[in-house]
Every structure is written in structure tokens, then in C-alpha cells.
Amino acid sequence: KTPMPTVMNALQIGTDSEGGYLVP
């Protein structure tokens, strides 16, 4: 529910335009 900031940073490359994340 509240991921660590390091997790958020690692997923920046997969952020889509609607606030979701592209799957691996």
C-alpha cells in the first residue's frame, strides 16, 4: 500500500500517462 521510495524510483522508467506502471 505504501511502497518504499526506492521502489518508486526504480519504476519511473515504466510510468504510463495515467499513473499506472507498464508490466515487466
mmCIF file of all heavy atoms, coordinates in Angstrom:
data_MODEL
# 
_entry.id   MODEL 
# 
loop_
_atom_site.group_PDB 
_atom_site.id 
_atom_site.type_symbol 
_atom_site.label_atom_id 
_atom_site.label_alt_id 
_atom_site.label_comp_id 
_atom_site.label_asym_id 
_atom_site.label_entity_id 
_atom_site.label_seq_id 
_atom_site.pdbx_PDB_ins_code 
_atom_site.Cartn_x 
_atom_site.Cartn_y 
_atom_site.Cartn_z 
_atom_site.occupancy 
_atom_site.B_iso_or_equiv 
_atom_site.pdbx_formal_charge 
_atom_site.auth_seq_id 
_atom_site.auth_comp_id 
_atom_site.auth_asym_id 
_atom_site.auth_atom_id 
_atom_site.pdbx_PDB_model_num 
ATOM 1   N N   . LYS A 1 1  ? 0.831  -1.207 0.000   1.00 0.00 ? 1  LYS A N   1 
ATOM 2   C CA  . LYS A 1 1  ? 0.000  0.000  0.000   1.00 0.00 ? 1  LYS A CA  1 
ATOM 3   C C   . LYS A 1 1  ? 0.860  1.249  0.000   1.00 0.00 ? 1  LYS A C   1 
ATOM 4   O O   . LYS A 1 1  ? 0.538  2.251  -0.643  1.00 0.00 ? 1  LYS A O   1 
ATOM 5   C CB  . LYS A 1 1  ? -0.921 -0.013 1.228   1.00 0.00 ? 1  LYS A CB  1 
ATOM 6   C CG  . LYS A 1 1  ? -1.906 1.148  1.269   1.00 0.00 ? 1  LYS A CG  1 
ATOM 7   C CD  . LYS A 1 1  ? -2.855 1.017  2.440   1.00 0.00 ? 1  LYS A CD  1 
ATOM 8   C CE  . LYS A 1 1  ? -3.870 2.160  2.460   1.00 0.00 ? 1  LYS A CE  1 
ATOM 9   N NZ  . LYS A 1 1  ? -4.820 2.040  3.599   1.00 0.00 ? 1  LYS A NZ  1 
ATOM 10  N N   . THR A 1 2  ? 1.967  1.216  0.737   1.00 0.00 ? 2  THR A N   1 
ATOM 11  C CA  . THR A 1 2  ? 2.882  2.363  0.802   1.00 0.00 ? 2  THR A CA  1 
ATOM 12  C C   . THR A 1 2  ? 4.299  1.894  0.482   1.00 0.00 ? 2  THR A C   1 
ATOM 13  O O   . THR A 1 2  ? 5.095  1.607  1.379   1.00 0.00 ? 2  THR A O   1 
ATOM 14  C CB  . THR A 1 2  ? 2.854  3.011  2.206   1.00 0.00 ? 2  THR A CB  1 
ATOM 15  O OG1 . THR A 1 2  ? 3.109  2.002  3.186   1.00 0.00 ? 2  THR A OG1 1 
ATOM 16  C CG2 . THR A 1 2  ? 1.502  3.656  2.455   1.00 0.00 ? 2  THR A CG2 1 
ATOM 17  N N   . PRO A 1 3  ? 4.628  1.753  -0.787  1.00 0.00 ? 3  PRO A N   1 
ATOM 18  C CA  . PRO A 1 3  ? 5.946  1.237  -1.172  1.00 0.00 ? 3  PRO A CA  1 
ATOM 19  C C   . PRO A 1 3  ? 7.068  2.183  -0.782  1.00 0.00 ? 3  PRO A C   1 
ATOM 20  O O   . PRO A 1 3  ? 6.879  3.387  -0.634  1.00 0.00 ? 3  PRO A O   1 
ATOM 21  C CB  . PRO A 1 3  ? 5.829  1.104  -2.694  1.00 0.00 ? 3  PRO A CB  1 
ATOM 22  C CG  . PRO A 1 3  ? 4.778  2.082  -3.076  1.00 0.00 ? 3  PRO A CG  1 
ATOM 23  C CD  . PRO A 1 3  ? 3.806  2.116  -1.952  1.00 0.00 ? 3  PRO A CD  1 
ATOM 24  N N   . MET A 1 4  ? 8.241  1.622  -0.631  1.00 0.00 ? 4  MET A N   1 
ATOM 25  C CA  . MET A 1 4  ? 9.425  2.396  -0.283  1.00 0.00 ? 4  MET A CA  1 
ATOM 26  C C   . MET A 1 4  ? 9.784  3.350  -1.433  1.00 0.00 ? 4  MET A C   1 
ATOM 27  O O   . MET A 1 4  ? 9.522  3.064  -2.608  1.00 0.00 ? 4  MET A O   1 
ATOM 28  C CB  . MET A 1 4  ? 10.601 1.457  -0.012  1.00 0.00 ? 4  MET A CB  1 
ATOM 29  C CG  . MET A 1 4  ? 10.366 0.492  1.145   1.00 0.00 ? 4  MET A CG  1 
ATOM 30  S SD  . MET A 1 4  ? 10.404 1.323  2.728   1.00 0.00 ? 4  MET A SD  1 
ATOM 31  C CE  . MET A 1 4  ? 12.155 1.698  2.842   1.00 0.00 ? 4  MET A CE  1 
ATOM 32  N N   . PRO A 1 5  ? 10.409 4.494  -1.100  1.00 0.00 ? 5  PRO A N   1 
ATOM 33  C CA  . PRO A 1 5  ? 10.818 5.428  -2.166  1.00 0.00 ? 5  PRO A CA  1 
ATOM 34  C C   . PRO A 1 5  ? 11.738 4.792  -3.207  1.00 0.00 ? 5  PRO A C   1 
ATOM 35  O O   . PRO A 1 5  ? 11.676 5.148  -4.385  1.00 0.00 ? 5  PRO A O   1 
ATOM 36  C CB  . PRO A 1 5  ? 11.562 6.524  -1.376  1.00 0.00 ? 5  PRO A CB  1 
ATOM 37  C CG  . PRO A 1 5  ? 10.972 6.470  -0.003  1.00 0.00 ? 5  PRO A CG  1 
ATOM 38  C CD  . PRO A 1 5  ? 10.668 5.020  0.249   1.00 0.00 ? 5  PRO A CD  1 
ATOM 39  N N   . THR A 1 6  ? 12.570 3.840  -2.778  1.00 0.00 ? 6  THR A N   1 
ATOM 40  C CA  . THR A 1 6  ? 13.469 3.184  -3.746  1.00 0.00 ? 6  THR A CA  1 
ATOM 41  C C   . THR A 1 6  ? 12.674 2.410  -4.793  1.00 0.00 ? 6  THR A C   1 
ATOM 42  O O   . THR A 1 6  ? 13.078 2.307  -5.950  1.00 0.00 ? 6  THR A O   1 
ATOM 43  C CB  . THR A 1 6  ? 14.429 2.226  -3.025  1.00 0.00 ? 6  THR A CB  1 
ATOM 44  O OG1 . THR A 1 6  ? 13.658 1.321  -2.208  1.00 0.00 ? 6  THR A OG1 1 
ATOM 45  C CG2 . THR A 1 6  ? 15.403 2.993  -2.149  1.00 0.00 ? 6  THR A CG2 1 
ATOM 46  N N   . VAL A 1 7  ? 11.541 1.838  -4.358  1.00 0.00 ? 7  VAL A N   1 
ATOM 47  C CA  . VAL A 1 7  ? 10.672 1.121  -5.291  1.00 0.00 ? 7  VAL A CA  1 
ATOM 48  C C   . VAL A 1 7  ? 10.078 2.097  -6.302  1.00 0.00 ? 7  VAL A C   1 
ATOM 49  O O   . VAL A 1 7  ? 10.054 1.845  -7.513  1.00 0.00 ? 7  VAL A O   1 
ATOM 50  C CB  . VAL A 1 7  ? 9.560  0.375  -4.528  1.00 0.00 ? 7  VAL A CB  1 
ATOM 51  C CG1 . VAL A 1 7  ? 8.549  -0.217 -5.513  1.00 0.00 ? 7  VAL A CG1 1 
ATOM 52  C CG2 . VAL A 1 7  ? 10.153 -0.719 -3.655  1.00 0.00 ? 7  VAL A CG2 1 
ATOM 53  N N   . MET A 1 8  ? 9.599  3.233  -5.806  1.00 0.00 ? 8  MET A N   1 
ATOM 54  C CA  . MET A 1 8  ? 9.008  4.236  -6.688  1.00 0.00 ? 8  MET A CA  1 
ATOM 55  C C   . MET A 1 8  ? 10.031 4.725  -7.724  1.00 0.00 ? 8  MET A C   1 
ATOM 56  O O   . MET A 1 8  ? 9.716  4.864  -8.907  1.00 0.00 ? 8  MET A O   1 
ATOM 57  C CB  . MET A 1 8  ? 8.517  5.425  -5.855  1.00 0.00 ? 8  MET A CB  1 
ATOM 58  C CG  . MET A 1 8  ? 7.485  5.056  -4.788  1.00 0.00 ? 8  MET A CG  1 
ATOM 59  S SD  . MET A 1 8  ? 5.878  4.684  -5.508  1.00 0.00 ? 8  MET A SD  1 
ATOM 60  C CE  . MET A 1 8  ? 5.357  6.313  -5.995  1.00 0.00 ? 8  MET A CE  1 
ATOM 61  N N   . ASN A 1 9  ? 11.248 4.948  -7.261  1.00 0.00 ? 9  ASN A N   1 
ATOM 62  C CA  . ASN A 1 9  ? 12.294 5.441  -8.157  1.00 0.00 ? 9  ASN A CA  1 
ATOM 63  C C   . ASN A 1 9  ? 12.628 4.412  -9.236  1.00 0.00 ? 9  ASN A C   1 
ATOM 64  O O   . ASN A 1 9  ? 12.839 4.753  -10.404 1.00 0.00 ? 9  ASN A O   1 
ATOM 65  C CB  . ASN A 1 9  ? 13.560 5.783  -7.368  1.00 0.00 ? 9  ASN A CB  1 
ATOM 66  C CG  . ASN A 1 9  ? 13.365 6.995  -6.472  1.00 0.00 ? 9  ASN A CG  1 
ATOM 67  O OD1 . ASN A 1 9  ? 12.501 7.822  -6.738  1.00 0.00 ? 9  ASN A OD1 1 
ATOM 68  N ND2 . ASN A 1 9  ? 14.150 7.081  -5.407  1.00 0.00 ? 9  ASN A ND2 1 
ATOM 69  N N   . ALA A 1 10 ? 12.669 3.141  -8.843  1.00 0.00 ? 10 ALA A N   1 
ATOM 70  C CA  . ALA A 1 10 ? 13.021 2.076  -9.791  1.00 0.00 ? 10 ALA A CA  1 
ATOM 71  C C   . ALA A 1 10 ? 11.974 1.910  -10.881 1.00 0.00 ? 10 ALA A C   1 
ATOM 72  O O   . ALA A 1 10 ? 12.269 1.418  -11.968 1.00 0.00 ? 10 ALA A O   1 
ATOM 73  C CB  . ALA A 1 10 ? 13.219 0.757  -9.045  1.00 0.00 ? 10 ALA A CB  1 
ATOM 74  N N   . LEU A 1 11 ? 10.724 2.332  -10.588 1.00 0.00 ? 11 LEU A N   1 
ATOM 75  C CA  . LEU A 1 11 ? 9.634  2.136  -11.549 1.00 0.00 ? 11 LEU A CA  1 
ATOM 76  C C   . LEU A 1 11 ? 9.385  3.346  -12.437 1.00 0.00 ? 11 LEU A C   1 
ATOM 77  O O   . LEU A 1 11 ? 8.481  3.323  -13.261 1.00 0.00 ? 11 LEU A O   1 
ATOM 78  C CB  . LEU A 1 11 ? 8.338  1.785  -10.795 1.00 0.00 ? 11 LEU A CB  1 
ATOM 79  C CG  . LEU A 1 11 ? 8.323  0.435  -10.068 1.00 0.00 ? 11 LEU A CG  1 
ATOM 80  C CD1 . LEU A 1 11 ? 6.996  0.251  -9.331  1.00 0.00 ? 11 LEU A CD1 1 
ATOM 81  C CD2 . LEU A 1 11 ? 8.536  -0.726 -11.028 1.00 0.00 ? 11 LEU A CD2 1 
ATOM 82  N N   . GLN A 1 12 ? 10.171 4.400  -12.277 1.00 0.00 ? 12 GLN A N   1 
ATOM 83  C CA  . GLN A 1 12 ? 9.944  5.610  -13.060 1.00 0.00 ? 12 GLN A CA  1 
ATOM 84  C C   . GLN A 1 12 ? 10.004 5.345  -14.564 1.00 0.00 ? 12 GLN A C   1 
ATOM 85  O O   . GLN A 1 12 ? 9.277  5.940  -15.352 1.00 0.00 ? 12 GLN A O   1 
ATOM 86  C CB  . GLN A 1 12 ? 10.968 6.682  -12.678 1.00 0.00 ? 12 GLN A CB  1 
ATOM 87  C CG  . GLN A 1 12 ? 10.733 7.304  -11.305 1.00 0.00 ? 12 GLN A CG  1 
ATOM 88  C CD  . GLN A 1 12 ? 9.353  7.943  -11.187 1.00 0.00 ? 12 GLN A CD  1 
ATOM 89  O OE1 . GLN A 1 12 ? 8.951  8.711  -12.054 1.00 0.00 ? 12 GLN A OE1 1 
ATOM 90  N NE2 . GLN A 1 12 ? 8.624  7.595  -10.138 1.00 0.00 ? 12 GLN A NE2 1 
ATOM 91  N N   . ILE A 1 13 ? 10.880 4.437  -14.984 1.00 0.00 ? 13 ILE A N   1 
ATOM 92  C CA  . ILE A 1 13 ? 11.029 4.146  -16.418 1.00 0.00 ? 13 ILE A CA  1 
ATOM 93  C C   . ILE A 1 13 ? 9.789  3.496  -17.004 1.00 0.00 ? 13 ILE A C   1 
ATOM 94  O O   . ILE A 1 13 ? 9.600  3.491  -18.219 1.00 0.00 ? 13 ILE A O   1 
ATOM 95  C CB  . ILE A 1 13 ? 12.245 3.223  -16.671 1.00 0.00 ? 13 ILE A CB  1 
ATOM 96  C CG1 . ILE A 1 13 ? 12.129 1.948  -15.830 1.00 0.00 ? 13 ILE A CG1 1 
ATOM 97  C CG2 . ILE A 1 13 ? 13.536 3.950  -16.406 1.00 0.00 ? 13 ILE A CG2 1 
ATOM 98  C CD1 . ILE A 1 13 ? 13.192 0.930  -16.132 1.00 0.00 ? 13 ILE A CD1 1 
ATOM 99  N N   . GLY A 1 14 ? 8.925  2.947  -16.139 1.00 0.00 ? 14 GLY A N   1 
ATOM 100 C CA  . GLY A 1 14 ? 7.732  2.261  -16.634 1.00 0.00 ? 14 GLY A CA  1 
ATOM 101 C C   . GLY A 1 14 ? 6.440  2.972  -16.329 1.00 0.00 ? 14 GLY A C   1 
ATOM 102 O O   . GLY A 1 14 ? 5.357  2.401  -16.448 1.00 0.00 ? 14 GLY A O   1 
ATOM 103 N N   . THR A 1 15 ? 6.505  4.259  -15.917 1.00 0.00 ? 15 THR A N   1 
ATOM 104 C CA  . THR A 1 15 ? 5.295  5.010  -15.597 1.00 0.00 ? 15 THR A CA  1 
ATOM 105 C C   . THR A 1 15 ? 4.545  5.362  -16.871 1.00 0.00 ? 15 THR A C   1 
ATOM 106 O O   . THR A 1 15 ? 5.129  5.836  -17.841 1.00 0.00 ? 15 THR A O   1 
ATOM 107 C CB  . THR A 1 15 ? 5.644  6.309  -14.841 1.00 0.00 ? 15 THR A CB  1 
ATOM 108 O OG1 . THR A 1 15 ? 6.425  5.976  -13.694 1.00 0.00 ? 15 THR A OG1 1 
ATOM 109 C CG2 . THR A 1 15 ? 4.379  7.037  -14.404 1.00 0.00 ? 15 THR A CG2 1 
ATOM 110 N N   . ASP A 1 16 ? 3.214  5.114  -16.881 1.00 0.00 ? 16 ASP A N   1 
ATOM 111 C CA  . ASP A 1 16 ? 2.433  5.497  -18.051 1.00 0.00 ? 16 ASP A CA  1 
ATOM 112 C C   . ASP A 1 16 ? 1.744  6.835  -17.792 1.00 0.00 ? 16 ASP A C   1 
ATOM 113 O O   . ASP A 1 16 ? 1.839  7.412  -16.710 1.00 0.00 ? 16 ASP A O   1 
ATOM 114 C CB  . ASP A 1 16 ? 1.443  4.405  -18.449 1.00 0.00 ? 16 ASP A CB  1 
ATOM 115 C CG  . ASP A 1 16 ? 0.278  4.252  -17.473 1.00 0.00 ? 16 ASP A CG  1 
ATOM 116 O OD1 . ASP A 1 16 ? 0.178  5.061  -16.532 1.00 0.00 ? 16 ASP A OD1 1 
ATOM 117 O OD2 . ASP A 1 16 ? -0.519 3.325  -17.654 1.00 0.00 ? 16 ASP A OD2 1 
ATOM 118 N N   . SER A 1 17 ? 1.030  7.333  -18.786 1.00 0.00 ? 17 SER A N   1 
ATOM 119 C CA  . SER A 1 17 ? 0.447  8.675  -18.712 1.00 0.00 ? 17 SER A CA  1 
ATOM 120 C C   . SER A 1 17 ? -0.722 8.769  -17.744 1.00 0.00 ? 17 SER A C   1 
ATOM 121 O O   . SER A 1 17 ? -1.166 9.866  -17.420 1.00 0.00 ? 17 SER A O   1 
ATOM 122 C CB  . SER A 1 17 ? -0.011 9.109  -20.112 1.00 0.00 ? 17 SER A CB  1 
ATOM 123 O OG  . SER A 1 17 ? -0.981 8.199  -20.619 1.00 0.00 ? 17 SER A OG  1 
ATOM 124 N N   . GLU A 1 18 ? -1.252 7.649  -17.280 1.00 0.00 ? 18 GLU A N   1 
ATOM 125 C CA  . GLU A 1 18 ? -2.429 7.660  -16.420 1.00 0.00 ? 18 GLU A CA  1 
ATOM 126 C C   . GLU A 1 18 ? -2.107 7.244  -14.999 1.00 0.00 ? 18 GLU A C   1 
ATOM 127 O O   . GLU A 1 18 ? -2.989 6.884  -14.224 1.00 0.00 ? 18 GLU A O   1 
ATOM 128 C CB  . GLU A 1 18 ? -3.503 6.736  -17.016 1.00 0.00 ? 18 GLU A CB  1 
ATOM 129 C CG  . GLU A 1 18 ? -3.951 7.197  -18.396 1.00 0.00 ? 18 GLU A CG  1 
ATOM 130 C CD  . GLU A 1 18 ? -4.896 6.223  -19.062 1.00 0.00 ? 18 GLU A CD  1 
ATOM 131 O OE1 . GLU A 1 18 ? -5.143 5.142  -18.477 1.00 0.00 ? 18 GLU A OE1 1 
ATOM 132 O OE2 . GLU A 1 18 ? -5.383 6.529  -20.152 1.00 0.00 ? 18 GLU A OE2 1 
ATOM 133 N N   . GLY A 1 19 ? -0.830 7.267  -14.636 1.00 0.00 ? 19 GLY A N   1 
ATOM 134 C CA  . GLY A 1 19 ? -0.451 6.982  -13.263 1.00 0.00 ? 19 GLY A CA  1 
ATOM 135 C C   . GLY A 1 19 ? -0.231 5.520  -12.954 1.00 0.00 ? 19 GLY A C   1 
ATOM 136 O O   . GLY A 1 19 ? 0.036  5.154  -11.808 1.00 0.00 ? 19 GLY A O   1 
ATOM 137 N N   . GLY A 1 20 ? -0.346 4.662  -13.950 1.00 0.00 ? 20 GLY A N   1 
ATOM 138 C CA  . GLY A 1 20 ? -0.090 3.238  -13.747 1.00 0.00 ? 20 GLY A CA  1 
ATOM 139 C C   . GLY A 1 20 ? 1.354  2.906  -14.096 1.00 0.00 ? 20 GLY A C   1 
ATOM 140 O O   . GLY A 1 20 ? 2.175  3.785  -14.364 1.00 0.00 ? 20 GLY A O   1 
ATOM 141 N N   . TYR A 1 21 ? 1.637  1.602  -14.113 1.00 0.00 ? 21 TYR A N   1 
ATOM 142 C CA  . TYR A 1 21 ? 3.002  1.156  -14.437 1.00 0.00 ? 21 TYR A CA  1 
ATOM 143 C C   . TYR A 1 21 ? 2.936  0.065  -15.503 1.00 0.00 ? 21 TYR A C   1 
ATOM 144 O O   . TYR A 1 21 ? 2.091  -0.839 -15.433 1.00 0.00 ? 21 TYR A O   1 
ATOM 145 C CB  . TYR A 1 21 ? 3.712  0.627  -13.184 1.00 0.00 ? 21 TYR A CB  1 
ATOM 146 C CG  . TYR A 1 21 ? 3.949  1.695  -12.145 1.00 0.00 ? 21 TYR A CG  1 
ATOM 147 C CD1 . TYR A 1 21 ? 3.069  1.878  -11.096 1.00 0.00 ? 21 TYR A CD1 1 
ATOM 148 C CD2 . TYR A 1 21 ? 5.052  2.541  -12.247 1.00 0.00 ? 21 TYR A CD2 1 
ATOM 149 C CE1 . TYR A 1 21 ? 3.267  2.884  -10.152 1.00 0.00 ? 21 TYR A CE1 1 
ATOM 150 C CE2 . TYR A 1 21 ? 5.269  3.545  -11.308 1.00 0.00 ? 21 TYR A CE2 1 
ATOM 151 C CZ  . TYR A 1 21 ? 4.363  3.713  -10.261 1.00 0.00 ? 21 TYR A CZ  1 
ATOM 152 O OH  . TYR A 1 21 ? 4.560  4.706  -9.341  1.00 0.00 ? 21 TYR A OH  1 
ATOM 153 N N   . LEU A 1 22 ? 3.819  0.182  -16.484 1.00 0.00 ? 22 LEU A N   1 
ATOM 154 C CA  . LEU A 1 22 ? 3.895  -0.841 -17.523 1.00 0.00 ? 22 LEU A CA  1 
ATOM 155 C C   . LEU A 1 22 ? 4.457  -2.120 -16.923 1.00 0.00 ? 22 LEU A C   1 
ATOM 156 O O   . LEU A 1 22 ? 5.392  -2.083 -16.123 1.00 0.00 ? 22 LEU A O   1 
ATOM 157 C CB  . LEU A 1 22 ? 4.782  -0.367 -18.670 1.00 0.00 ? 22 LEU A CB  1 
ATOM 158 C CG  . LEU A 1 22 ? 4.348  0.946  -19.348 1.00 0.00 ? 22 LEU A CG  1 
ATOM 159 C CD1 . LEU A 1 22 ? 5.327  1.319  -20.444 1.00 0.00 ? 22 LEU A CD1 1 
ATOM 160 C CD2 . LEU A 1 22 ? 2.942  0.832  -19.895 1.00 0.00 ? 22 LEU A CD2 1 
ATOM 161 N N   . VAL A 1 23 ? 3.879  -3.257 -17.310 1.00 0.00 ? 23 VAL A N   1 
ATOM 162 C CA  . VAL A 1 23 ? 4.302  -4.523 -16.716 1.00 0.00 ? 23 VAL A CA  1 
ATOM 163 C C   . VAL A 1 23 ? 5.694  -4.894 -17.214 1.00 0.00 ? 23 VAL A C   1 
ATOM 164 O O   . VAL A 1 23 ? 6.102  -4.492 -18.313 1.00 0.00 ? 23 VAL A O   1 
ATOM 165 C CB  . VAL A 1 23 ? 3.304  -5.662 -17.044 1.00 0.00 ? 23 VAL A CB  1 
ATOM 166 C CG1 . VAL A 1 23 ? 1.912  -5.327 -16.568 1.00 0.00 ? 23 VAL A CG1 1 
ATOM 167 C CG2 . VAL A 1 23 ? 3.282  -5.974 -18.535 1.00 0.00 ? 23 VAL A CG2 1 
ATOM 168 N N   . PRO A 1 24 ? 6.453  -5.653 -16.433 1.00 0.00 ? 24 PRO A N   1 
ATOM 169 C CA  . PRO A 1 24 ? 7.785  -6.108 -16.881 1.00 0.00 ? 24 PRO A CA  1 
ATOM 170 C C   . PRO A 1 24 ? 7.687  -6.910 -18.178 1.00 0.00 ? 24 PRO A C   1 
ATOM 171 O O   . PRO A 1 24 ? 6.667  -7.567 -18.440 1.00 0.00 ? 24 PRO A O   1 
ATOM 172 C CB  . PRO A 1 24 ? 8.257  -6.984 -15.712 1.00 0.00 ? 24 PRO A CB  1 
ATOM 173 C CG  . PRO A 1 24 ? 7.476  -6.514 -14.529 1.00 0.00 ? 24 PRO A CG  1 
ATOM 174 C CD  . PRO A 1 24 ? 6.147  -6.082 -15.059 1.00 0.00 ? 24 PRO A CD  1 
# 
